[in-house]
């Protein structure tokens, strides 16, 4: 019986729902979960890729993916709480695949239904000449490892600009956290929490 209370489960489902990139079209999303050393995935996928979609013809001009997420984590402590990292890609005018936005948000810490609104960003060239050459060669600045988006070290030296917005919905269920001395208050249905709020919550928990 003691072994059954040495870890807890976090079950996560939901979907990468909708995005807005007014200047672009034909965008898809690569995603992956980033988590601490004490965490393991017991079921589900750590990473994936959505379909390519076009923006709607109505006044919203929204990109709709509704791509499902379904994963279960197991851990012994909340340090390194999982984050969802998204990398949005599309084609430029020369047909080159270029990044359209990066973003990250922590998986909700409280059970229930949650809506996350991610403000996305892209890296910028360090000079006007490098920006021009990147445009000519079709090699825009991007991260070699998208997981760096979920980290704070070294981010202060990276030049970025805001570009795009993404909506992600989560349904979370935790199990056996109280047996390890951790408690979480259920959230109200439909609670809107920004990624900045989620980051603050994770630092408090850590």
N, C-alpha and C. Protein backbone atom coordinates (compact mmCIF):
# COMPACT_ATOMS: atom_id res chain seq x y z
N UNK A 1 0.82 -1.20 0.00
CA UNK A 1 0.00 0.00 0.00
C UNK A 1 0.86 1.26 0.00
N UNK A 2 2.04 1.23 0.65
CA UNK A 2 2.88 2.41 0.73
C UNK A 2 3.35 2.85 -0.64
N UNK A 3 3.64 1.85 -1.55
CA UNK A 3 4.13 2.18 -2.87
C UNK A 3 3.09 2.92 -3.71
N UNK A 4 1.81 2.72 -3.37
CA UNK A 4 0.75 3.35 -4.14
C UNK A 4 0.64 4.84 -3.86
N UNK A 5 1.25 5.32 -2.78
CA UNK A 5 1.12 6.72 -2.42
C UNK A 5 2.43 7.48 -2.62
N UNK A 6 3.40 6.90 -3.31
CA UNK A 6 4.67 7.57 -3.53
C UNK A 6 4.67 8.44 -4.77
N UNK A 7 3.61 8.40 -5.55
CA UNK A 7 3.51 9.22 -6.75
C UNK A 7 2.06 9.61 -6.99
N UNK A 8 1.87 10.61 -7.84
CA UNK A 8 0.52 11.03 -8.21
C UNK A 8 0.41 11.08 -9.72
N UNK A 9 -0.81 11.12 -10.21
CA UNK A 9 -1.09 11.16 -11.65
C UNK A 9 -1.72 12.49 -12.03
N UNK A 10 -1.39 12.95 -13.21
CA UNK A 10 -2.01 14.13 -13.80
C UNK A 10 -2.49 13.75 -15.19
N UNK A 11 -3.80 13.70 -15.37
CA UNK A 11 -4.39 13.33 -16.65
C UNK A 11 -4.86 14.58 -17.38
N UNK A 12 -4.38 14.75 -18.60
CA UNK A 12 -4.62 15.97 -19.37
C UNK A 12 -5.23 15.62 -20.72
N UNK A 13 -6.33 16.26 -21.05
CA UNK A 13 -6.91 16.17 -22.38
C UNK A 13 -7.29 17.59 -22.81
N UNK A 14 -7.73 17.72 -24.04
CA UNK A 14 -8.11 19.04 -24.52
C UNK A 14 -7.83 19.16 -26.00
N UNK A 15 -7.58 20.41 -26.45
CA UNK A 15 -7.32 20.60 -27.87
C UNK A 15 -6.62 21.92 -28.15
N UNK A 16 -5.79 21.89 -29.17
CA UNK A 16 -5.25 23.13 -29.74
C UNK A 16 -6.34 23.65 -30.66
N UNK A 17 -6.97 24.74 -30.25
CA UNK A 17 -8.24 25.11 -30.84
C UNK A 17 -8.16 26.09 -31.99
N UNK A 18 -7.84 27.33 -31.68
CA UNK A 18 -7.95 28.41 -32.66
C UNK A 18 -6.76 29.34 -32.58
N UNK A 19 -6.39 29.94 -33.70
CA UNK A 19 -5.29 30.90 -33.72
C UNK A 19 -5.60 32.08 -34.63
N UNK A 20 -4.85 33.16 -34.46
CA UNK A 20 -5.00 34.36 -35.29
C UNK A 20 -3.64 34.83 -35.77
N UNK A 21 -3.47 34.85 -37.09
CA UNK A 21 -2.27 35.37 -37.73
C UNK A 21 -2.74 36.16 -38.96
N UNK A 22 -3.16 37.41 -38.78
CA UNK A 22 -3.83 38.18 -39.84
C UNK A 22 -3.04 38.29 -41.14
N UNK A 23 -1.71 38.27 -41.06
CA UNK A 23 -0.90 38.51 -42.25
C UNK A 23 -0.59 37.24 -43.03
N UNK A 24 -0.95 36.06 -42.49
CA UNK A 24 -0.50 34.81 -43.10
C UNK A 24 -1.65 33.87 -43.40
N UNK A 25 -1.29 32.75 -44.05
CA UNK A 25 -2.25 31.70 -44.34
C UNK A 25 -1.52 30.36 -44.34
N UNK A 26 -2.27 29.26 -44.36
CA UNK A 26 -1.70 27.90 -44.41
C UNK A 26 -0.70 27.68 -43.28
N UNK A 27 -1.21 27.57 -42.08
CA UNK A 27 -0.36 27.43 -40.89
C UNK A 27 -0.67 26.10 -40.19
N UNK A 28 0.38 25.47 -39.65
CA UNK A 28 0.22 24.28 -38.83
C UNK A 28 1.04 24.44 -37.55
N UNK A 29 0.80 23.55 -36.60
CA UNK A 29 1.41 23.66 -35.27
C UNK A 29 2.14 22.37 -34.91
N UNK A 30 3.37 22.53 -34.44
CA UNK A 30 4.10 21.44 -33.80
C UNK A 30 4.06 21.69 -32.30
N UNK A 31 3.78 20.67 -31.52
CA UNK A 31 3.73 20.86 -30.07
C UNK A 31 4.51 19.76 -29.36
N UNK A 32 4.95 20.07 -28.16
CA UNK A 32 5.56 19.05 -27.31
C UNK A 32 5.43 19.48 -25.85
N UNK A 33 5.45 18.51 -24.97
CA UNK A 33 5.37 18.77 -23.54
C UNK A 33 6.78 18.77 -22.95
N UNK A 34 7.05 19.76 -22.11
CA UNK A 34 8.33 19.87 -21.42
C UNK A 34 8.07 19.73 -19.92
N UNK A 35 8.84 18.89 -19.24
CA UNK A 35 8.57 18.62 -17.82
C UNK A 35 9.88 18.27 -17.11
N UNK A 36 9.81 18.25 -15.77
CA UNK A 36 10.99 18.02 -14.95
C UNK A 36 11.44 16.57 -14.92
N UNK A 37 12.59 16.36 -14.26
CA UNK A 37 13.21 15.04 -14.23
C UNK A 37 12.38 14.01 -13.45
N UNK A 38 11.56 14.48 -12.52
CA UNK A 38 10.76 13.55 -11.71
C UNK A 38 9.47 13.13 -12.40
N UNK A 39 9.23 13.67 -13.59
CA UNK A 39 7.99 13.38 -14.30
C UNK A 39 8.22 12.37 -15.42
N UNK A 40 7.22 11.50 -15.64
CA UNK A 40 7.25 10.57 -16.77
C UNK A 40 5.84 10.54 -17.39
N UNK A 41 5.80 10.24 -18.68
CA UNK A 41 4.52 10.07 -19.37
C UNK A 41 4.16 8.60 -19.34
N UNK A 42 3.01 8.27 -18.79
CA UNK A 42 2.57 6.87 -18.72
C UNK A 42 1.73 6.48 -19.92
N UNK A 43 0.91 7.39 -20.41
CA UNK A 43 0.13 7.14 -21.62
C UNK A 43 0.03 8.43 -22.43
N UNK A 44 -0.17 8.29 -23.73
CA UNK A 44 -0.32 9.46 -24.58
C UNK A 44 0.99 9.84 -25.26
N UNK A 45 0.93 10.93 -26.03
CA UNK A 45 2.06 11.37 -26.84
C UNK A 45 2.73 12.60 -26.25
N UNK A 46 4.06 12.60 -26.27
CA UNK A 46 4.82 13.74 -25.77
C UNK A 46 4.85 14.89 -26.77
N UNK A 47 4.74 14.57 -28.05
CA UNK A 47 4.80 15.60 -29.08
C UNK A 47 3.91 15.20 -30.25
N UNK A 48 3.62 16.19 -31.11
CA UNK A 48 2.76 15.91 -32.25
C UNK A 48 2.73 17.08 -33.21
N UNK A 49 1.98 16.92 -34.28
CA UNK A 49 1.87 17.96 -35.30
C UNK A 49 0.44 17.98 -35.82
N UNK A 50 -0.09 19.17 -36.01
CA UNK A 50 -1.47 19.33 -36.46
C UNK A 50 -1.55 19.33 -37.98
N UNK A 51 -2.74 19.38 -38.49
CA UNK A 51 -2.97 19.55 -39.92
C UNK A 51 -2.71 21.01 -40.31
N UNK A 52 -2.48 21.23 -41.60
CA UNK A 52 -2.37 22.59 -42.12
C UNK A 52 -3.77 23.15 -42.32
N UNK A 53 -3.98 24.38 -41.90
CA UNK A 53 -5.30 24.97 -42.05
C UNK A 53 -5.20 26.39 -42.59
N UNK A 54 -6.26 26.82 -43.26
CA UNK A 54 -6.36 28.18 -43.78
C UNK A 54 -7.23 29.01 -42.85
N UNK A 55 -7.04 30.33 -42.89
CA UNK A 55 -7.87 31.19 -42.05
C UNK A 55 -9.26 31.29 -42.65
N UNK A 56 -10.23 31.46 -41.78
CA UNK A 56 -11.63 31.49 -42.21
C UNK A 56 -11.91 32.71 -43.06
N UNK A 57 -12.95 32.61 -43.88
CA UNK A 57 -13.33 33.71 -44.76
C UNK A 57 -14.27 34.72 -44.11
N UNK A 58 -14.67 34.46 -42.86
CA UNK A 58 -15.57 35.39 -42.19
C UNK A 58 -14.77 36.54 -41.57
N UNK A 59 -15.44 37.36 -40.80
CA UNK A 59 -14.80 38.55 -40.22
C UNK A 59 -13.75 38.20 -39.18
N UNK A 60 -13.82 36.99 -38.59
CA UNK A 60 -12.84 36.61 -37.57
C UNK A 60 -11.47 36.34 -38.17
N UNK A 61 -11.42 35.79 -39.39
CA UNK A 61 -10.17 35.38 -40.04
C UNK A 61 -9.35 34.50 -39.09
N UNK A 62 -9.99 33.51 -38.53
CA UNK A 62 -9.36 32.63 -37.55
C UNK A 62 -8.89 31.33 -38.20
N UNK A 63 -7.82 30.79 -37.65
CA UNK A 63 -7.34 29.46 -38.02
C UNK A 63 -7.93 28.47 -37.01
N UNK A 64 -8.60 27.44 -37.49
CA UNK A 64 -9.24 26.47 -36.60
C UNK A 64 -8.60 25.10 -36.82
N UNK A 65 -8.01 24.55 -35.75
CA UNK A 65 -7.40 23.22 -35.81
C UNK A 65 -8.24 22.19 -35.05
N UNK A 66 -8.64 22.54 -33.82
CA UNK A 66 -9.35 21.59 -32.95
C UNK A 66 -8.60 20.27 -32.85
N UNK A 67 -7.29 20.37 -32.69
CA UNK A 67 -6.43 19.18 -32.66
C UNK A 67 -6.39 18.61 -31.24
N UNK A 68 -6.69 17.33 -31.06
CA UNK A 68 -6.83 16.78 -29.70
C UNK A 68 -5.50 16.59 -28.98
N UNK A 69 -5.54 16.80 -27.66
CA UNK A 69 -4.42 16.51 -26.76
C UNK A 69 -4.89 15.46 -25.76
N UNK A 70 -4.04 14.48 -25.47
CA UNK A 70 -4.42 13.43 -24.51
C UNK A 70 -3.15 12.79 -23.97
N UNK A 71 -2.82 13.05 -22.71
CA UNK A 71 -1.59 12.54 -22.12
C UNK A 71 -1.77 12.40 -20.61
N UNK A 72 -1.09 11.44 -20.03
CA UNK A 72 -1.12 11.24 -18.58
C UNK A 72 0.31 11.24 -18.04
N UNK A 73 0.53 12.06 -17.00
CA UNK A 73 1.84 12.17 -16.37
C UNK A 73 1.83 11.49 -15.00
N UNK A 74 3.02 11.08 -14.59
CA UNK A 74 3.21 10.52 -13.25
C UNK A 74 4.43 11.18 -12.63
N UNK A 75 4.31 11.58 -11.36
CA UNK A 75 5.42 12.26 -10.70
C UNK A 75 5.35 12.05 -9.19
N UNK A 76 6.46 12.38 -8.52
CA UNK A 76 6.54 12.28 -7.06
C UNK A 76 6.45 13.64 -6.40
N UNK A 77 6.62 14.74 -7.17
CA UNK A 77 6.48 16.09 -6.62
C UNK A 77 6.16 17.05 -7.75
N UNK A 78 5.61 18.22 -7.44
CA UNK A 78 5.15 19.15 -8.49
C UNK A 78 6.26 19.95 -9.14
N UNK A 79 7.49 19.86 -8.65
CA UNK A 79 8.58 20.61 -9.28
C UNK A 79 8.77 20.16 -10.72
N UNK A 80 8.90 21.11 -11.62
CA UNK A 80 9.00 20.77 -13.04
C UNK A 80 7.66 20.48 -13.67
N UNK A 81 6.61 21.13 -13.14
CA UNK A 81 5.25 20.92 -13.65
C UNK A 81 5.22 21.05 -15.17
N UNK A 82 4.53 20.16 -15.88
CA UNK A 82 4.58 20.13 -17.35
C UNK A 82 4.13 21.44 -18.01
N UNK A 83 4.80 21.76 -19.10
CA UNK A 83 4.43 22.88 -19.94
C UNK A 83 4.16 22.39 -21.36
N UNK A 84 3.22 23.04 -22.02
CA UNK A 84 2.96 22.79 -23.43
C UNK A 84 3.68 23.86 -24.24
N UNK A 85 4.55 23.43 -25.14
CA UNK A 85 5.29 24.34 -26.02
C UNK A 85 4.76 24.18 -27.44
N UNK A 86 4.43 25.28 -28.07
CA UNK A 86 3.90 25.25 -29.44
C UNK A 86 4.82 26.03 -30.37
N UNK A 87 4.98 25.50 -31.58
CA UNK A 87 5.75 26.15 -32.63
C UNK A 87 4.87 26.18 -33.87
N UNK A 88 4.54 27.37 -34.34
CA UNK A 88 3.66 27.54 -35.49
C UNK A 88 4.50 27.76 -36.74
N UNK A 89 4.14 27.07 -37.83
CA UNK A 89 4.90 27.17 -39.07
C UNK A 89 3.98 27.43 -40.26
N UNK A 90 4.57 28.06 -41.29
CA UNK A 90 3.86 28.31 -42.53
C UNK A 90 4.86 28.51 -43.65
N UNK A 91 4.39 28.90 -44.83
CA UNK A 91 5.24 29.12 -45.99
C UNK A 91 5.33 30.61 -46.30
N UNK A 92 6.54 31.05 -46.67
CA UNK A 92 6.69 32.45 -47.09
C UNK A 92 6.38 32.57 -48.57
N UNK A 93 6.59 33.75 -49.14
CA UNK A 93 6.24 33.99 -50.54
C UNK A 93 7.10 33.21 -51.51
N UNK A 94 8.25 32.67 -51.03
CA UNK A 94 9.12 31.87 -51.89
C UNK A 94 8.90 30.38 -51.70
N UNK A 95 7.93 30.01 -50.86
CA UNK A 95 7.66 28.60 -50.63
C UNK A 95 8.52 27.97 -49.57
N UNK A 96 9.25 28.77 -48.81
CA UNK A 96 10.10 28.25 -47.74
C UNK A 96 9.30 28.10 -46.45
N UNK A 97 9.57 27.03 -45.72
CA UNK A 97 8.90 26.83 -44.43
C UNK A 97 9.56 27.72 -43.38
N UNK A 98 8.77 28.59 -42.76
CA UNK A 98 9.31 29.52 -41.77
C UNK A 98 8.44 29.50 -40.53
N UNK A 99 9.04 29.86 -39.40
CA UNK A 99 8.30 29.87 -38.14
C UNK A 99 7.39 31.10 -38.10
N UNK A 100 6.18 30.90 -37.60
CA UNK A 100 5.21 31.99 -37.49
C UNK A 100 4.94 32.38 -36.04
N UNK A 101 5.43 31.58 -35.10
CA UNK A 101 5.22 31.95 -33.71
C UNK A 101 5.60 30.84 -32.76
N UNK A 102 6.13 31.23 -31.60
CA UNK A 102 6.43 30.31 -30.50
C UNK A 102 5.61 30.73 -29.29
N UNK A 103 5.29 29.74 -28.46
CA UNK A 103 4.59 30.04 -27.22
C UNK A 103 4.63 28.86 -26.27
N UNK A 104 4.35 29.12 -25.01
CA UNK A 104 4.35 28.06 -24.00
C UNK A 104 3.39 28.43 -22.88
N UNK A 105 2.82 27.41 -22.27
CA UNK A 105 1.96 27.61 -21.11
C UNK A 105 2.03 26.38 -20.23
N UNK A 106 1.92 26.56 -18.92
CA UNK A 106 1.89 25.43 -18.01
C UNK A 106 0.54 24.71 -18.12
N UNK A 107 0.59 23.40 -18.00
CA UNK A 107 -0.65 22.63 -17.87
C UNK A 107 -1.35 23.13 -16.61
N UNK A 108 -2.66 23.35 -16.64
CA UNK A 108 -3.37 23.85 -15.46
C UNK A 108 -3.12 22.99 -14.22
N UNK A 109 -2.97 23.65 -13.08
CA UNK A 109 -2.66 22.95 -11.84
C UNK A 109 -3.89 22.52 -11.07
N UNK A 110 -5.03 23.06 -11.44
CA UNK A 110 -6.26 22.70 -10.74
C UNK A 110 -7.16 21.87 -11.66
N UNK A 111 -7.88 20.90 -11.10
CA UNK A 111 -8.76 20.07 -11.93
C UNK A 111 -9.88 20.90 -12.55
N UNK A 112 -10.35 20.46 -13.71
CA UNK A 112 -11.47 21.13 -14.36
C UNK A 112 -11.16 21.52 -15.78
N UNK A 113 -12.01 22.37 -16.33
CA UNK A 113 -11.85 22.85 -17.70
C UNK A 113 -11.19 24.22 -17.68
N UNK A 114 -10.23 24.40 -18.58
CA UNK A 114 -9.47 25.64 -18.61
C UNK A 114 -9.27 26.11 -20.04
N UNK A 115 -9.20 27.41 -20.20
CA UNK A 115 -8.93 28.04 -21.50
C UNK A 115 -7.66 28.87 -21.37
N UNK A 116 -6.69 28.60 -22.20
CA UNK A 116 -5.44 29.35 -22.20
C UNK A 116 -5.33 30.16 -23.48
N UNK A 117 -4.94 31.41 -23.33
CA UNK A 117 -4.70 32.28 -24.48
C UNK A 117 -3.21 32.61 -24.51
N UNK A 118 -2.53 32.12 -25.54
CA UNK A 118 -1.09 32.29 -25.65
C UNK A 118 -0.76 33.42 -26.61
N UNK A 119 -0.01 34.39 -26.12
CA UNK A 119 0.54 35.43 -26.98
C UNK A 119 1.85 34.90 -27.55
N UNK A 120 1.94 34.78 -28.86
CA UNK A 120 3.09 34.16 -29.50
C UNK A 120 4.13 35.20 -29.91
N UNK A 121 5.33 34.72 -30.19
CA UNK A 121 6.43 35.60 -30.58
C UNK A 121 7.35 34.87 -31.55
N UNK A 122 8.19 35.63 -32.25
CA UNK A 122 9.20 35.07 -33.14
C UNK A 122 10.53 35.76 -32.86
N UNK A 123 11.65 35.03 -33.02
CA UNK A 123 12.97 35.66 -32.85
C UNK A 123 13.24 36.65 -33.97
N UNK A 124 14.02 37.68 -33.67
CA UNK A 124 14.38 38.70 -34.64
C UNK A 124 15.87 38.64 -34.94
N UNK A 125 16.26 38.99 -36.18
CA UNK A 125 17.67 39.10 -36.53
C UNK A 125 18.30 40.24 -35.73
N UNK A 126 19.59 40.10 -35.47
CA UNK A 126 20.27 41.10 -34.63
C UNK A 126 20.64 42.37 -35.39
N UNK A 127 20.54 42.36 -36.71
CA UNK A 127 20.86 43.56 -37.48
C UNK A 127 19.99 43.61 -38.74
N UNK A 128 19.91 44.78 -39.35
CA UNK A 128 19.11 44.95 -40.58
C UNK A 128 19.69 44.12 -41.72
N UNK A 129 21.03 44.02 -41.78
CA UNK A 129 21.66 43.23 -42.84
C UNK A 129 21.32 41.75 -42.70
N UNK A 130 21.42 41.23 -41.48
CA UNK A 130 21.07 39.83 -41.26
C UNK A 130 19.60 39.57 -41.55
N UNK A 131 18.74 40.53 -41.24
CA UNK A 131 17.32 40.38 -41.54
C UNK A 131 17.09 40.32 -43.05
N UNK A 132 17.81 41.15 -43.80
CA UNK A 132 17.69 41.15 -45.26
C UNK A 132 18.19 39.83 -45.85
N UNK A 133 19.33 39.34 -45.38
CA UNK A 133 19.89 38.08 -45.88
C UNK A 133 18.98 36.90 -45.53
N UNK A 134 18.38 36.94 -44.36
CA UNK A 134 17.46 35.86 -43.97
C UNK A 134 16.25 35.84 -44.89
N UNK A 135 15.78 37.02 -45.29
CA UNK A 135 14.64 37.10 -46.20
C UNK A 135 15.02 36.58 -47.59
N UNK A 136 16.22 36.92 -48.07
CA UNK A 136 16.69 36.48 -49.38
C UNK A 136 16.89 34.97 -49.41
N UNK A 137 17.53 34.43 -48.37
CA UNK A 137 17.85 33.01 -48.33
C UNK A 137 16.71 32.14 -47.85
N UNK A 138 15.66 32.77 -47.31
CA UNK A 138 14.53 31.99 -46.80
C UNK A 138 14.86 31.25 -45.51
N UNK A 139 15.82 31.77 -44.77
CA UNK A 139 16.23 31.14 -43.50
C UNK A 139 16.01 32.14 -42.37
N UNK A 140 14.79 32.23 -41.89
CA UNK A 140 14.45 33.17 -40.83
C UNK A 140 14.98 32.66 -39.49
N UNK A 141 15.23 33.55 -38.55
CA UNK A 141 15.71 33.10 -37.23
C UNK A 141 14.70 32.18 -36.55
N UNK A 142 15.17 31.08 -36.00
CA UNK A 142 14.32 30.17 -35.25
C UNK A 142 15.18 29.40 -34.27
N UNK A 143 14.54 28.79 -33.28
CA UNK A 143 15.24 28.03 -32.26
C UNK A 143 15.55 26.63 -32.79
N UNK A 144 16.79 26.17 -32.58
CA UNK A 144 17.14 24.80 -32.96
C UNK A 144 16.40 23.79 -32.09
N UNK A 145 16.12 24.17 -30.85
CA UNK A 145 15.35 23.32 -29.95
C UNK A 145 14.20 24.16 -29.38
N UNK A 146 12.97 23.91 -29.82
CA UNK A 146 11.84 24.72 -29.35
C UNK A 146 11.62 24.66 -27.85
N UNK A 147 12.19 23.66 -27.17
CA UNK A 147 11.99 23.54 -25.73
C UNK A 147 12.59 24.72 -24.97
N UNK A 148 13.49 25.48 -25.64
CA UNK A 148 14.08 26.64 -24.98
C UNK A 148 13.01 27.68 -24.64
N UNK A 149 11.88 27.61 -25.33
CA UNK A 149 10.79 28.55 -25.07
C UNK A 149 10.25 28.38 -23.66
N UNK A 150 10.36 27.16 -23.10
CA UNK A 150 9.84 26.88 -21.76
C UNK A 150 10.86 27.19 -20.67
N UNK A 151 12.04 27.66 -21.04
CA UNK A 151 13.08 27.94 -20.07
C UNK A 151 13.31 29.44 -19.95
N UNK A 152 13.88 29.82 -18.83
CA UNK A 152 14.14 31.24 -18.60
C UNK A 152 15.61 31.62 -18.83
N UNK A 153 16.51 30.65 -18.73
CA UNK A 153 17.93 30.94 -18.86
C UNK A 153 18.27 31.37 -20.29
N UNK A 154 18.95 32.50 -20.41
CA UNK A 154 19.40 32.99 -21.70
C UNK A 154 18.36 33.73 -22.51
N UNK A 155 17.11 33.75 -22.04
CA UNK A 155 16.06 34.40 -22.82
C UNK A 155 16.24 35.92 -22.89
N UNK A 156 16.96 36.50 -21.91
CA UNK A 156 17.07 37.95 -21.87
C UNK A 156 17.93 38.51 -23.01
N UNK A 157 18.72 37.66 -23.69
CA UNK A 157 19.59 38.14 -24.76
C UNK A 157 18.98 37.89 -26.14
N UNK A 158 17.78 37.34 -26.19
CA UNK A 158 17.14 37.02 -27.47
C UNK A 158 16.20 38.16 -27.86
N UNK A 159 16.38 38.66 -29.08
CA UNK A 159 15.49 39.70 -29.60
C UNK A 159 14.26 39.04 -30.19
N UNK A 160 13.09 39.49 -29.78
CA UNK A 160 11.84 38.91 -30.28
C UNK A 160 10.83 40.01 -30.57
N UNK A 161 9.77 39.63 -31.27
CA UNK A 161 8.63 40.52 -31.47
C UNK A 161 7.36 39.68 -31.42
N UNK A 162 6.29 40.29 -31.00
CA UNK A 162 5.00 39.60 -30.88
C UNK A 162 4.44 39.30 -32.27
N UNK A 163 3.85 38.11 -32.40
CA UNK A 163 3.25 37.74 -33.67
C UNK A 163 2.27 36.59 -33.46
N UNK A 164 1.00 36.89 -33.52
CA UNK A 164 -0.01 35.85 -33.45
C UNK A 164 -0.52 35.55 -32.06
N UNK A 165 -1.62 34.79 -32.03
CA UNK A 165 -2.27 34.40 -30.78
C UNK A 165 -2.88 33.02 -30.96
N UNK A 166 -2.89 32.21 -29.88
CA UNK A 166 -3.38 30.84 -29.96
C UNK A 166 -4.25 30.53 -28.75
N UNK A 167 -5.35 29.82 -28.97
CA UNK A 167 -6.23 29.38 -27.89
C UNK A 167 -6.08 27.87 -27.72
N UNK A 168 -5.81 27.45 -26.47
CA UNK A 168 -5.70 26.03 -26.13
C UNK A 168 -6.66 25.75 -24.98
N UNK A 169 -7.39 24.65 -25.08
CA UNK A 169 -8.30 24.24 -24.01
C UNK A 169 -7.79 22.97 -23.35
N UNK A 170 -7.85 22.95 -22.01
CA UNK A 170 -7.38 21.81 -21.23
C UNK A 170 -8.52 21.27 -20.37
N UNK A 171 -8.53 19.96 -20.19
CA UNK A 171 -9.33 19.29 -19.16
C UNK A 171 -8.34 18.49 -18.31
N UNK A 172 -8.24 18.82 -17.03
CA UNK A 172 -7.24 18.17 -16.18
C UNK A 172 -7.89 17.45 -15.01
N UNK A 173 -7.32 16.30 -14.68
CA UNK A 173 -7.74 15.51 -13.53
C UNK A 173 -6.48 15.04 -12.81
N UNK A 174 -6.40 15.23 -11.51
CA UNK A 174 -5.26 14.76 -10.72
C UNK A 174 -5.72 13.63 -9.79
N UNK A 175 -4.78 12.79 -9.43
CA UNK A 175 -5.10 11.64 -8.57
C UNK A 175 -3.97 11.41 -7.59
N UNK A 176 -4.32 11.22 -6.33
CA UNK A 176 -3.39 10.88 -5.23
C UNK A 176 -2.49 12.04 -4.81
N UNK A 177 -2.80 13.28 -5.21
CA UNK A 177 -1.98 14.40 -4.77
C UNK A 177 -2.15 14.67 -3.28
N UNK A 178 -3.37 14.53 -2.78
CA UNK A 178 -3.60 14.77 -1.36
C UNK A 178 -2.87 13.76 -0.48
N UNK A 179 -2.70 12.54 -0.99
CA UNK A 179 -1.99 11.52 -0.22
C UNK A 179 -0.52 11.87 -0.02
N UNK A 180 0.00 12.73 -0.90
CA UNK A 180 1.39 13.17 -0.78
C UNK A 180 1.49 14.54 -0.11
N UNK A 181 0.36 15.07 0.36
CA UNK A 181 0.37 16.35 1.07
C UNK A 181 0.14 17.56 0.20
N UNK A 182 -0.22 17.35 -1.06
CA UNK A 182 -0.49 18.46 -1.96
C UNK A 182 -1.99 18.60 -2.13
N UNK A 183 -2.44 19.85 -2.24
CA UNK A 183 -3.86 20.11 -2.39
C UNK A 183 -4.07 21.12 -3.49
N UNK A 184 -5.15 20.97 -4.22
CA UNK A 184 -5.48 21.93 -5.28
C UNK A 184 -6.97 22.22 -5.20
N UNK A 185 -7.30 23.46 -5.45
CA UNK A 185 -8.70 23.90 -5.38
C UNK A 185 -9.30 23.82 -6.78
N UNK A 186 -10.41 23.12 -6.97
CA UNK A 186 -11.02 23.03 -8.30
C UNK A 186 -11.35 24.42 -8.83
N UNK A 187 -11.06 24.61 -10.12
CA UNK A 187 -11.36 25.90 -10.74
C UNK A 187 -12.79 25.92 -11.24
N UNK A 188 -13.30 27.12 -11.46
CA UNK A 188 -14.63 27.26 -12.04
C UNK A 188 -14.57 26.91 -13.51
N UNK A 189 -15.64 26.34 -14.03
CA UNK A 189 -15.69 25.99 -15.43
C UNK A 189 -15.57 27.24 -16.28
N UNK A 190 -14.76 27.12 -17.33
CA UNK A 190 -14.64 28.23 -18.26
C UNK A 190 -13.71 29.33 -17.75
N UNK A 191 -12.92 29.08 -16.71
CA UNK A 191 -12.02 30.09 -16.21
C UNK A 191 -10.99 30.46 -17.27
N UNK A 192 -10.77 31.74 -17.46
CA UNK A 192 -9.80 32.22 -18.43
C UNK A 192 -8.54 32.59 -17.68
N UNK A 193 -7.44 31.91 -18.00
CA UNK A 193 -6.16 32.18 -17.35
C UNK A 193 -5.12 32.38 -18.44
N UNK A 194 -4.36 33.47 -18.37
CA UNK A 194 -3.34 33.73 -19.37
C UNK A 194 -2.10 32.93 -19.04
N UNK A 195 -1.20 32.82 -20.03
CA UNK A 195 0.03 32.06 -19.82
C UNK A 195 0.90 32.73 -18.77
N UNK A 196 0.86 34.07 -18.63
CA UNK A 196 1.64 34.75 -17.60
C UNK A 196 1.16 34.37 -16.21
N UNK A 197 -0.18 34.26 -16.06
CA UNK A 197 -0.73 33.84 -14.78
C UNK A 197 -0.31 32.43 -14.44
N UNK A 198 -0.30 31.56 -15.44
CA UNK A 198 0.09 30.17 -15.22
C UNK A 198 1.55 30.09 -14.79
N UNK A 199 2.41 30.93 -15.39
CA UNK A 199 3.82 30.94 -15.01
C UNK A 199 3.98 31.36 -13.56
N UNK A 200 3.24 32.40 -13.13
CA UNK A 200 3.30 32.84 -11.74
C UNK A 200 2.84 31.76 -10.79
N UNK A 201 1.80 31.03 -11.16
CA UNK A 201 1.29 29.94 -10.33
C UNK A 201 2.32 28.85 -10.18
N UNK A 202 3.04 28.54 -11.29
CA UNK A 202 4.03 27.47 -11.23
C UNK A 202 5.20 27.84 -10.33
N UNK A 203 5.61 29.10 -10.34
CA UNK A 203 6.70 29.53 -9.49
C UNK A 203 6.31 29.45 -8.02
N UNK A 204 5.04 29.76 -7.73
CA UNK A 204 4.55 29.65 -6.35
C UNK A 204 4.57 28.21 -5.88
N UNK A 205 4.15 27.30 -6.78
CA UNK A 205 4.11 25.88 -6.40
C UNK A 205 5.51 25.33 -6.22
N UNK A 206 6.46 25.80 -7.07
CA UNK A 206 7.82 25.28 -6.98
C UNK A 206 8.51 25.77 -5.73
